[in-house]
Amino acid sequence: MSEQLQTDPNTGRLAFEGADLHSLAEQFGTPLYVYSAEAVRQAYLGYAQACEGLAEVTIHYAIKANSNIHLLKLLASLGAGFDLVSAGELARVLAAGGNPAKAVFAGVGKSVADIEYALKAGVGCFNVESAAEMVRLGEVAQRLQIKANVSVRVNPDVDAKTHPYISTGLKENKFGVSMAVAPSVYAHAQAHPWLNVHGIDCHIGSQLTDPSPYFDALDRVLGLVDQLSAQGIQIDHLDLGGGIGIRYRDENPPKPADVLPQLIARVRQWAQAKGRPMPTLAFEPGRSIVGNAGVLLTRVEFLKNNEDKHFAIVDAAMNDLMRPAMYESFHAIVPVAPNPTATAQDYDIVGPVCESGDWLGRNRTLSIAQGDVLAILSAGAYGLTMASNYNSRGRAAEVLIEQGKARLVRRRETIEDLLAPELGL
């Protein structure tokens, strides 16, 4: 977890970037996402400093991890570009004052409307994921008379050694174009008057704790670049994706400084050996920027015993944090304030949603009572971005801490918000 999360030595209460979490729960209600601006800043700078002095390297934050406009504004102020997968995410970049020319548009299913919106906004590059998409992109670009920069996302068939749902670089995954098909897709783009071949893109998965798959994928990508060069197709830009993991429990993921300089050095060595200029490089971190910069606060509604099984029923649910139900993932769960009168017990932390899969943690030893507030840690990534209104539940509020001061950056959804799209039709 972020070093911004600390226990007050006098009260034993948790504070995030100096802000008392129990007080925030009282002020803003629960469930409540709380983010540390300093934790986001330090995580981003870890990437920027790993590439310091290298003008040919850019960092594009993967918006899908956490798309709050105020976090995007913070990252844009630090110089970040953006990796986006929908017109809605591009709209968030624009609302945050981000530069669309520093955005790359990925995703396997771009609609005509998506492409039109991105071209008119001036998005920097389209990461194309199929031959059919390249045809569609060319048709829309020609109709609008707006030239599109394109990279092809290739699938190197490299095992990222991560959860199968977040592995994206194997041939059985839906992402990218196979290495065998990629040359023909590039040939189509090269011949099209409204497409500009910009580079090559590769992303093999998320929550990587072993850096070796990065280097395997890079070697395969560089081999393809050589093949394309022999066909007269010049690649001047390599987008190597993101995916560095974070610590949820006992993982030991690499730091950007452990990986990026070595990747850059390998590309430079290759370029020198081939007698060609160093290509520009891009990285697309998401989870590793915001994952440990956020917590989800939730209040214990009831303690319930079913013979030998004990449940802490809280007001957050799978619709607020989908990761445990979807991936069986682990998030540490701790009380935000000590309860000296409570007895330690093993609990399953469950929500009020009408699903047996609605759990946030299992077999956690906690000393808690009804009404206590719990913090679900490492919840800054894939929390609210994956949230839903299942059971007609409003989505949680979000608070950003900057220098110990809290401000609401997304209000809690109300029942009126939920009904508004349907009433009056």
Protein backbone atom coordinates (compact mmCIF):
# COMPACT_ATOMS: atom_id res chain seq x y z
CA MET A 1 0.00 0.00 0.00
CA SER A 2 1.06 3.60 -0.47
CA GLU A 3 3.34 5.19 2.10
CA GLN A 4 0.70 7.93 2.26
CA LEU A 5 -1.47 5.54 4.31
CA GLN A 6 -0.35 5.69 7.92
CA THR A 7 -1.62 4.95 11.41
CA ASP A 8 -1.76 7.87 13.84
CA PRO A 9 0.53 6.86 16.73
CA ASN A 10 -1.69 8.65 19.27
CA THR A 11 -5.16 7.51 18.22
CA GLY A 12 -4.43 4.35 16.24
CA ARG A 13 -6.68 5.69 13.47
CA LEU A 14 -5.80 5.43 9.78
CA ALA A 15 -4.94 8.57 7.85
CA PHE A 16 -4.38 8.95 4.13
CA GLU A 17 -2.02 11.75 3.12
CA GLY A 18 -2.68 13.24 6.57
CA ALA A 19 -6.50 13.07 6.32
CA ASP A 20 -8.30 11.02 9.01
CA LEU A 21 -10.28 8.31 7.24
CA HIS A 22 -12.87 7.89 9.98
CA SER A 23 -13.68 11.60 9.77
CA LEU A 24 -14.00 11.35 5.98
CA ALA A 25 -16.50 8.50 6.35
CA GLU A 26 -18.56 10.63 8.74
CA GLN A 27 -18.36 13.70 6.49
CA PHE A 28 -19.02 12.11 3.08
CA GLY A 29 -20.75 8.83 3.98
CA THR A 30 -19.97 5.33 2.82
CA PRO A 31 -19.20 3.54 0.56
CA LEU A 32 -16.54 6.09 -0.28
CA TYR A 33 -13.47 5.99 -2.51
CA VAL A 34 -10.58 8.07 -1.19
CA TYR A 35 -7.51 8.88 -3.29
CA SER A 36 -4.17 10.43 -2.40
CA ALA A 37 -2.95 12.99 -4.93
CA GLU A 38 0.59 12.64 -3.61
CA ALA A 39 0.52 8.86 -4.05
CA VAL A 40 -0.60 9.31 -7.68
CA ARG A 41 2.09 11.94 -8.23
CA GLN A 42 4.87 9.80 -6.80
CA ALA A 43 3.79 6.74 -8.79
CA TYR A 44 3.76 8.72 -12.04
CA LEU A 45 7.13 10.29 -11.27
CA GLY A 46 8.52 6.79 -10.79
CA TYR A 47 7.93 6.28 -14.50
CA ALA A 48 8.99 9.76 -15.56
CA GLN A 49 12.24 9.55 -13.60
CA ALA A 50 13.01 6.09 -15.01
CA CYS A 51 12.97 7.76 -18.44
CA GLU A 52 14.53 11.05 -17.34
CA GLY A 53 16.46 12.87 -20.04
CA LEU A 54 15.06 10.69 -22.83
CA ALA A 55 13.02 12.93 -25.11
CA GLU A 56 12.02 9.93 -27.22
CA VAL A 57 10.04 8.27 -24.38
CA THR A 58 6.45 9.14 -23.44
CA ILE A 59 4.16 7.88 -20.65
CA HIS A 60 0.47 7.37 -21.46
CA TYR A 61 -1.74 6.74 -18.42
CA ALA A 62 -4.27 3.94 -19.05
CA ILE A 63 -7.56 5.62 -18.23
CA LYS A 64 -9.49 2.38 -17.75
CA ALA A 65 -7.77 1.92 -14.37
CA ASN A 66 -9.40 5.04 -12.91
CA SER A 67 -11.06 7.66 -15.09
CA ASN A 68 -11.96 10.37 -12.56
CA ILE A 69 -11.54 13.71 -14.34
CA HIS A 70 -9.72 15.28 -11.39
CA LEU A 71 -7.09 12.52 -11.41
CA LEU A 72 -6.71 12.94 -15.17
CA LYS A 73 -6.23 16.67 -14.66
CA LEU A 74 -3.50 15.96 -12.09
CA LEU A 75 -1.73 13.55 -14.43
CA ALA A 76 -2.01 15.94 -17.38
CA SER A 77 -0.35 18.63 -15.26
CA LEU A 78 2.56 16.23 -14.69
CA GLY A 79 2.99 15.79 -18.44
CA ALA A 80 1.20 12.47 -18.93
CA GLY A 81 -0.34 11.41 -22.18
CA PHE A 82 -3.30 9.03 -22.14
CA ASP A 83 -4.21 5.54 -23.33
CA LEU A 84 -7.94 5.31 -23.97
CA VAL A 85 -10.36 2.68 -25.26
CA SER A 86 -13.62 4.59 -25.87
CA ALA A 87 -15.00 7.92 -27.00
CA GLY A 88 -16.18 8.43 -23.42
CA GLU A 89 -12.63 8.16 -22.12
CA LEU A 90 -11.49 10.65 -24.76
CA ALA A 91 -14.24 13.02 -23.62
CA ARG A 92 -12.84 12.74 -20.09
CA VAL A 93 -9.36 13.66 -21.35
CA LEU A 94 -10.79 16.73 -23.06
CA ALA A 95 -12.80 17.70 -19.97
CA ALA A 96 -9.62 17.40 -17.88
CA GLY A 97 -7.72 19.72 -20.21
CA GLY A 98 -5.55 16.90 -21.56
CA ASN A 99 -3.96 17.12 -24.98
CA PRO A 100 -5.69 14.74 -27.45
CA ALA A 101 -2.53 14.73 -29.56
CA LYS A 102 -0.84 12.92 -26.64
CA ALA A 103 -3.56 10.25 -26.55
CA VAL A 104 -3.56 6.81 -28.15
CA PHE A 105 -6.89 5.15 -28.95
CA ALA A 106 -6.85 1.37 -28.37
CA GLY A 107 -9.66 -1.20 -28.11
CA VAL A 108 -10.87 -4.03 -30.30
CA GLY A 109 -14.32 -2.71 -31.21
CA LYS A 110 -14.10 0.94 -32.29
CA SER A 111 -17.39 2.02 -33.83
CA VAL A 112 -17.73 4.49 -36.69
CA ALA A 113 -18.94 7.07 -34.17
CA ASP A 114 -15.88 6.40 -31.96
CA ILE A 115 -13.53 6.92 -34.88
CA GLU A 116 -15.28 10.07 -36.08
CA TYR A 117 -15.18 11.60 -32.61
CA ALA A 118 -11.48 10.79 -32.16
CA LEU A 119 -10.46 12.06 -35.59
CA LYS A 120 -12.31 15.34 -35.10
CA ALA A 121 -10.77 15.75 -31.63
CA GLY A 122 -7.27 15.24 -33.03
CA VAL A 123 -6.30 12.05 -31.22
CA GLY A 124 -2.60 11.31 -31.63
CA CYS A 125 -2.72 7.72 -32.83
CA PHE A 126 -5.09 4.80 -33.37
CA ASN A 127 -3.83 1.45 -32.11
CA VAL A 128 -5.56 -0.81 -34.64
CA GLU A 129 -6.46 -4.34 -33.54
CA SER A 130 -7.75 -6.07 -36.69
CA ALA A 131 -7.64 -5.94 -40.46
CA ALA A 132 -11.33 -5.02 -40.53
CA GLU A 133 -10.72 -2.09 -38.20
CA MET A 134 -7.95 -0.76 -40.43
CA VAL A 135 -10.37 -0.81 -43.38
CA ARG A 136 -13.03 1.02 -41.36
CA LEU A 137 -10.56 3.60 -40.07
CA GLY A 138 -9.38 4.33 -43.61
CA GLU A 139 -12.95 4.74 -44.86
CA VAL A 140 -13.89 7.17 -42.08
CA ALA A 141 -10.63 9.15 -42.39
CA GLN A 142 -11.14 9.52 -46.15
CA ARG A 143 -14.77 10.59 -45.74
CA LEU A 144 -13.81 13.21 -43.14
CA GLN A 145 -10.62 14.16 -45.05
CA ILE A 146 -8.63 13.84 -41.80
CA LYS A 147 -5.44 11.81 -41.95
CA ALA A 148 -5.13 9.20 -39.17
CA ASN A 149 -1.89 8.11 -37.54
CA VAL A 150 -1.98 4.33 -37.05
CA SER A 151 -0.11 1.71 -35.11
CA VAL A 152 -0.99 -1.96 -35.31
CA ARG A 153 -1.37 -3.73 -31.99
CA VAL A 154 0.37 -7.04 -32.49
CA ASN A 155 -0.20 -10.15 -30.44
CA PRO A 156 3.23 -11.69 -29.76
CA ASP A 157 1.81 -14.88 -28.20
CA VAL A 158 3.74 -14.32 -24.96
CA ASP A 159 2.45 -15.61 -21.62
CA ALA A 160 2.33 -12.71 -19.14
CA LYS A 161 2.01 -15.22 -16.25
CA THR A 162 -0.92 -13.35 -14.75
CA HIS A 163 -4.65 -13.97 -14.22
CA PRO A 164 -6.20 -15.36 -17.44
CA TYR A 165 -8.82 -12.59 -17.51
CA ILE A 166 -6.12 -9.90 -17.69
CA SER A 167 -3.68 -11.73 -19.96
CA THR A 168 -3.87 -10.09 -23.38
CA GLY A 169 -0.82 -11.25 -25.34
CA LEU A 170 -1.64 -14.89 -26.11
CA LYS A 171 -3.00 -16.04 -29.47
CA GLU A 172 -6.25 -17.19 -27.82
CA ASN A 173 -6.89 -13.65 -26.52
CA LYS A 174 -9.13 -11.28 -28.49
CA PHE A 175 -6.56 -8.51 -28.53
CA GLY A 176 -4.26 -7.50 -31.33
CA VAL A 177 -3.22 -8.89 -34.70
CA SER A 178 -1.12 -12.03 -35.03
CA MET A 179 2.49 -11.61 -36.09
CA ALA A 180 1.69 -13.53 -39.29
CA VAL A 181 -1.21 -11.26 -40.28
CA ALA A 182 0.35 -7.93 -39.23
CA PRO A 183 2.42 -7.36 -42.44
CA SER A 184 -0.69 -7.42 -44.63
CA VAL A 185 -2.49 -5.00 -42.30
CA TYR A 186 0.48 -2.64 -42.47
CA ALA A 187 0.58 -2.98 -46.26
CA HIS A 188 -3.05 -1.83 -46.46
CA ALA A 189 -2.30 1.19 -44.25
CA GLN A 190 0.85 2.04 -46.21
CA ALA A 191 -1.10 2.13 -49.46
CA HIS A 192 -4.01 4.20 -48.09
CA PRO A 193 -3.83 7.96 -48.79
CA TRP A 194 -5.55 8.88 -45.51
CA LEU A 195 -3.61 6.58 -43.18
CA ASN A 196 -0.14 7.32 -41.85
CA VAL A 197 1.86 4.36 -40.52
CA HIS A 198 3.13 5.64 -37.20
CA GLY A 199 4.32 2.65 -35.22
CA ILE A 200 3.69 -0.69 -33.58
CA ASP A 201 1.91 -1.47 -30.33
CA CYS A 202 2.11 -4.42 -27.95
CA HIS A 203 0.49 -5.06 -24.56
CA ILE A 204 0.65 -8.52 -23.02
CA GLY A 205 -1.35 -8.19 -19.80
CA SER A 206 -1.87 -6.58 -16.43
CA GLN A 207 -0.60 -7.10 -12.87
CA LEU A 208 2.75 -8.44 -14.08
CA THR A 209 5.19 -9.31 -11.30
CA ASP A 210 7.83 -10.95 -13.52
CA PRO A 211 9.44 -8.59 -16.07
CA SER A 212 10.81 -11.35 -18.31
CA PRO A 213 7.68 -11.52 -20.56
CA TYR A 214 8.26 -7.85 -21.45
CA PHE A 215 11.62 -8.70 -22.95
CA ASP A 216 10.28 -11.77 -24.77
CA ALA A 217 7.55 -9.64 -26.34
CA LEU A 218 9.98 -6.86 -27.23
CA ASP A 219 12.30 -9.26 -29.04
CA ARG A 220 9.40 -10.58 -31.12
CA VAL A 221 8.18 -7.06 -31.91
CA LEU A 222 11.66 -5.97 -33.01
CA GLY A 223 11.84 -9.01 -35.28
CA LEU A 224 8.58 -7.91 -36.90
CA VAL A 225 9.92 -4.37 -37.33
CA ASP A 226 12.87 -5.83 -39.23
CA GLN A 227 10.47 -7.81 -41.42
CA LEU A 228 8.37 -4.72 -42.16
CA SER A 229 11.48 -2.69 -42.94
CA ALA A 230 12.45 -5.28 -45.56
CA GLN A 231 9.02 -4.68 -47.15
CA GLY A 232 9.64 -0.93 -47.26
CA ILE A 233 7.39 -0.14 -44.26
CA GLN A 234 9.18 2.10 -41.79
CA ILE A 235 8.32 1.88 -38.07
CA ASP A 236 9.49 4.87 -36.03
CA HIS A 237 7.46 4.36 -32.86
CA LEU A 238 7.20 1.43 -30.41
CA ASP A 239 4.38 1.36 -27.86
CA LEU A 240 5.26 -1.34 -25.33
CA GLY A 241 2.08 -1.11 -23.24
CA GLY A 242 1.87 -1.21 -19.46
CA GLY A 243 1.03 -3.91 -16.97
CA ILE A 244 3.52 -3.61 -14.10
CA GLY A 245 1.72 -4.92 -11.04
CA ILE A 246 1.24 -3.59 -7.51
CA ARG A 247 1.37 -5.23 -4.11
CA TYR A 248 -2.04 -6.35 -2.87
CA ARG A 249 -0.75 -8.90 -0.35
CA ASP A 250 2.69 -10.48 -0.76
CA GLU A 251 3.52 -9.75 -4.41
CA ASN A 252 6.91 -8.25 -5.20
CA PRO A 253 6.42 -6.45 -8.51
CA PRO A 254 9.31 -4.65 -10.19
CA LYS A 255 9.61 -0.88 -10.06
CA PRO A 256 9.59 1.12 -13.31
CA ALA A 257 13.27 1.88 -12.71
CA ASP A 258 13.94 -1.87 -12.70
CA VAL A 259 12.34 -2.44 -16.12
CA LEU A 260 12.07 0.64 -18.33
CA PRO A 261 15.80 1.52 -18.60
CA GLN A 262 16.59 -2.07 -19.58
CA LEU A 263 13.85 -2.10 -22.23
CA ILE A 264 15.05 1.24 -23.59
CA ALA A 265 18.66 0.00 -23.63
CA ARG A 266 17.67 -3.12 -25.56
CA VAL A 267 15.86 -1.02 -28.20
CA ARG A 268 18.83 1.35 -28.46
CA GLN A 269 21.21 -1.58 -28.88
CA TRP A 270 18.99 -3.00 -31.63
CA ALA A 271 18.77 0.37 -33.40
CA GLN A 272 22.54 0.83 -33.33
CA ALA A 273 23.12 -2.69 -34.63
CA LYS A 274 20.74 -2.00 -37.53
CA GLY A 275 22.22 1.43 -38.23
CA ARG A 276 18.87 3.13 -37.85
CA PRO A 277 17.71 6.03 -35.65
CA MET A 278 16.34 5.30 -32.20
CA PRO A 279 12.53 5.00 -32.44
CA THR A 280 10.32 6.85 -30.02
CA LEU A 281 8.96 4.68 -27.20
CA ALA A 282 5.72 4.77 -25.24
CA PHE A 283 4.58 3.02 -22.07
CA GLU A 284 0.98 2.73 -20.82
CA PRO A 285 0.83 2.24 -17.02
CA GLY A 286 -2.53 2.26 -15.27
CA ARG A 287 -2.89 0.13 -12.15
CA SER A 288 0.66 0.91 -11.01
CA ILE A 289 -0.14 4.64 -11.05
CA VAL A 290 -3.42 4.62 -9.11
CA GLY A 291 -3.91 1.16 -7.56
CA ASN A 292 -2.21 1.83 -4.25
CA ALA A 293 -3.30 5.47 -4.28
CA GLY A 294 -6.88 4.62 -3.30
CA VAL A 295 -8.94 2.99 -0.56
CA LEU A 296 -12.63 2.13 -0.35
CA LEU A 297 -14.31 2.96 2.95
CA THR A 298 -17.32 0.88 4.00
CA ARG A 299 -19.39 0.66 7.19
CA VAL A 300 -20.37 -2.54 9.00
CA GLU A 301 -24.16 -2.80 8.90
CA PHE A 302 -24.50 -6.13 10.73
CA LEU A 303 -22.45 -8.96 12.18
CA LYS A 304 -24.09 -12.30 11.44
CA ASN A 305 -23.27 -15.82 12.60
CA ASN A 306 -24.36 -18.94 10.70
CA GLU A 307 -23.21 -21.62 13.14
CA ASP A 308 -19.43 -21.75 12.48
CA LYS A 309 -19.43 -19.10 9.74
CA HIS A 310 -19.21 -15.42 10.65
CA PHE A 311 -20.14 -12.58 8.32
CA ALA A 312 -19.51 -8.84 8.46
CA ILE A 313 -22.21 -7.38 6.24
CA VAL A 314 -21.05 -3.99 4.99
CA ASP A 315 -22.61 -1.26 2.88
CA ALA A 316 -20.14 -1.69 -0.02
CA ALA A 317 -20.79 -4.51 -2.46
CA MET A 318 -19.65 -6.21 -5.62
CA ASN A 319 -21.23 -3.42 -7.63
CA ASP A 320 -18.81 -0.99 -5.90
CA LEU A 321 -15.69 -3.19 -6.14
CA MET A 322 -15.99 -5.96 -8.70
CA ARG A 323 -12.46 -7.37 -8.50
CA PRO A 324 -13.00 -9.95 -5.70
CA ALA A 325 -16.12 -11.40 -7.34
CA MET A 326 -14.70 -11.28 -10.87
CA TYR A 327 -11.08 -12.33 -10.29
CA GLU A 328 -11.24 -13.79 -6.75
CA SER A 329 -8.69 -11.10 -5.99
CA PHE A 330 -7.32 -10.19 -2.58
CA HIS A 331 -7.61 -6.73 -1.00
CA ALA A 332 -6.38 -6.14 2.53
CA ILE A 333 -9.24 -4.98 4.79
CA VAL A 334 -8.57 -3.13 8.05
CA PRO A 335 -10.58 -1.07 10.56
CA VAL A 336 -9.98 2.65 10.22
CA ALA A 337 -10.17 3.05 14.02
CA PRO A 338 -9.37 0.52 16.76
CA ASN A 339 -12.27 -0.99 18.70
CA PRO A 340 -10.90 -2.10 22.09
CA THR A 341 -14.23 -3.60 23.18
CA ALA A 342 -14.60 -5.93 20.16
CA THR A 343 -13.42 -9.54 20.14
CA ALA A 344 -11.24 -10.81 17.32
CA GLN A 345 -13.11 -13.13 14.97
CA ASP A 346 -12.67 -14.58 11.47
CA TYR A 347 -15.18 -12.90 9.13
CA ASP A 348 -16.22 -13.05 5.53
CA ILE A 349 -16.72 -9.43 4.47
CA VAL A 350 -19.84 -9.40 2.31
CA GLY A 351 -22.15 -6.82 0.78
CA PRO A 352 -25.93 -6.44 0.58
CA VAL A 353 -26.26 -7.40 -3.11
CA CYS A 354 -28.45 -10.43 -3.80
CA GLU A 355 -25.64 -12.70 -5.06
CA SER A 356 -23.56 -15.31 -3.25
CA GLY A 357 -20.60 -13.91 -5.18
CA ASP A 358 -21.01 -10.59 -3.39
CA TRP A 359 -17.95 -10.77 -1.17
CA LEU A 360 -15.04 -8.39 -0.64
CA GLY A 361 -12.83 -10.55 1.58
CA ARG A 362 -12.89 -14.02 3.10
CA ASN A 363 -11.62 -15.34 6.43
CA ARG A 364 -10.29 -12.04 7.72
CA THR A 365 -9.43 -11.81 11.41
CA LEU A 366 -10.90 -8.54 12.65
CA SER A 367 -11.91 -6.96 15.97
CA ILE A 368 -15.02 -5.06 14.86
CA ALA A 369 -18.59 -4.20 15.83
CA GLN A 370 -21.69 -3.00 14.06
CA GLY A 371 -21.19 0.58 12.86
CA ASP A 372 -17.39 0.36 12.54
CA VAL A 373 -15.77 1.64 9.36
CA LEU A 374 -13.42 -0.57 7.36
CA ALA A 375 -10.87 0.41 4.73
CA ILE A 376 -10.44 -1.84 1.71
CA LEU A 377 -6.90 -1.16 0.58
CA SER A 378 -5.29 -0.95 -2.86
CA ALA A 379 -8.65 0.00 -4.37
CA GLY A 380 -7.58 2.92 -6.57
CA ALA A 381 -7.57 0.87 -9.79
CA TYR A 382 -10.56 -0.91 -11.36
CA GLY A 383 -12.86 0.19 -8.58
CA LEU A 384 -15.37 2.81 -9.63
CA THR A 385 -14.49 2.32 -13.32
CA MET A 386 -15.95 -1.21 -13.09
CA ALA A 387 -18.82 -0.26 -10.78
CA SER A 388 -22.46 -0.78 -11.75
CA ASN A 389 -25.96 0.01 -10.59
CA TYR A 390 -26.84 -3.63 -9.97
CA ASN A 391 -29.80 -3.98 -7.55
CA SER A 392 -30.46 -0.31 -8.42
CA ARG A 393 -27.68 0.82 -6.12
CA GLY A 394 -26.17 4.26 -6.66
CA ARG A 395 -22.43 4.32 -7.24
CA ALA A 396 -20.13 5.57 -4.50
CA ALA A 397 -18.73 9.05 -4.02
CA GLU A 398 -15.05 9.86 -4.59
CA VAL A 399 -12.80 12.13 -2.54
CA LEU A 400 -9.31 13.39 -3.41
CA ILE A 401 -6.81 14.26 -0.69
CA GLU A 402 -4.25 16.95 -1.48
CA GLN A 403 -1.87 18.08 1.26
CA GLY A 404 -4.19 16.76 3.95
CA LYS A 405 -7.29 18.51 2.58
CA ALA A 406 -10.22 16.53 1.24
CA ARG A 407 -12.47 17.57 -1.62
CA LEU A 408 -15.34 15.77 -3.25
CA VAL A 409 -14.43 14.90 -6.85
CA ARG A 410 -17.51 12.80 -7.63
CA ARG A 411 -20.77 13.02 -5.79
CA ARG A 412 -22.71 9.95 -4.71
CA GLU A 413 -25.41 8.86 -7.14
CA THR A 414 -28.94 9.35 -5.88
CA ILE A 415 -32.14 7.42 -6.54
CA GLU A 416 -33.19 10.35 -8.74
CA ASP A 417 -30.02 9.89 -10.82
CA LEU A 418 -30.89 6.23 -11.36
CA LEU A 419 -34.48 6.92 -12.45
CA ALA A 420 -33.82 10.01 -14.60
CA PRO A 421 -32.88 8.23 -17.89
CA GLU A 422 -36.17 6.30 -17.85
CA LEU A 423 -38.74 8.74 -16.47
CA GLY A 424 -40.69 10.83 -18.94
CA LEU A 425 -40.01 8.63 -21.95
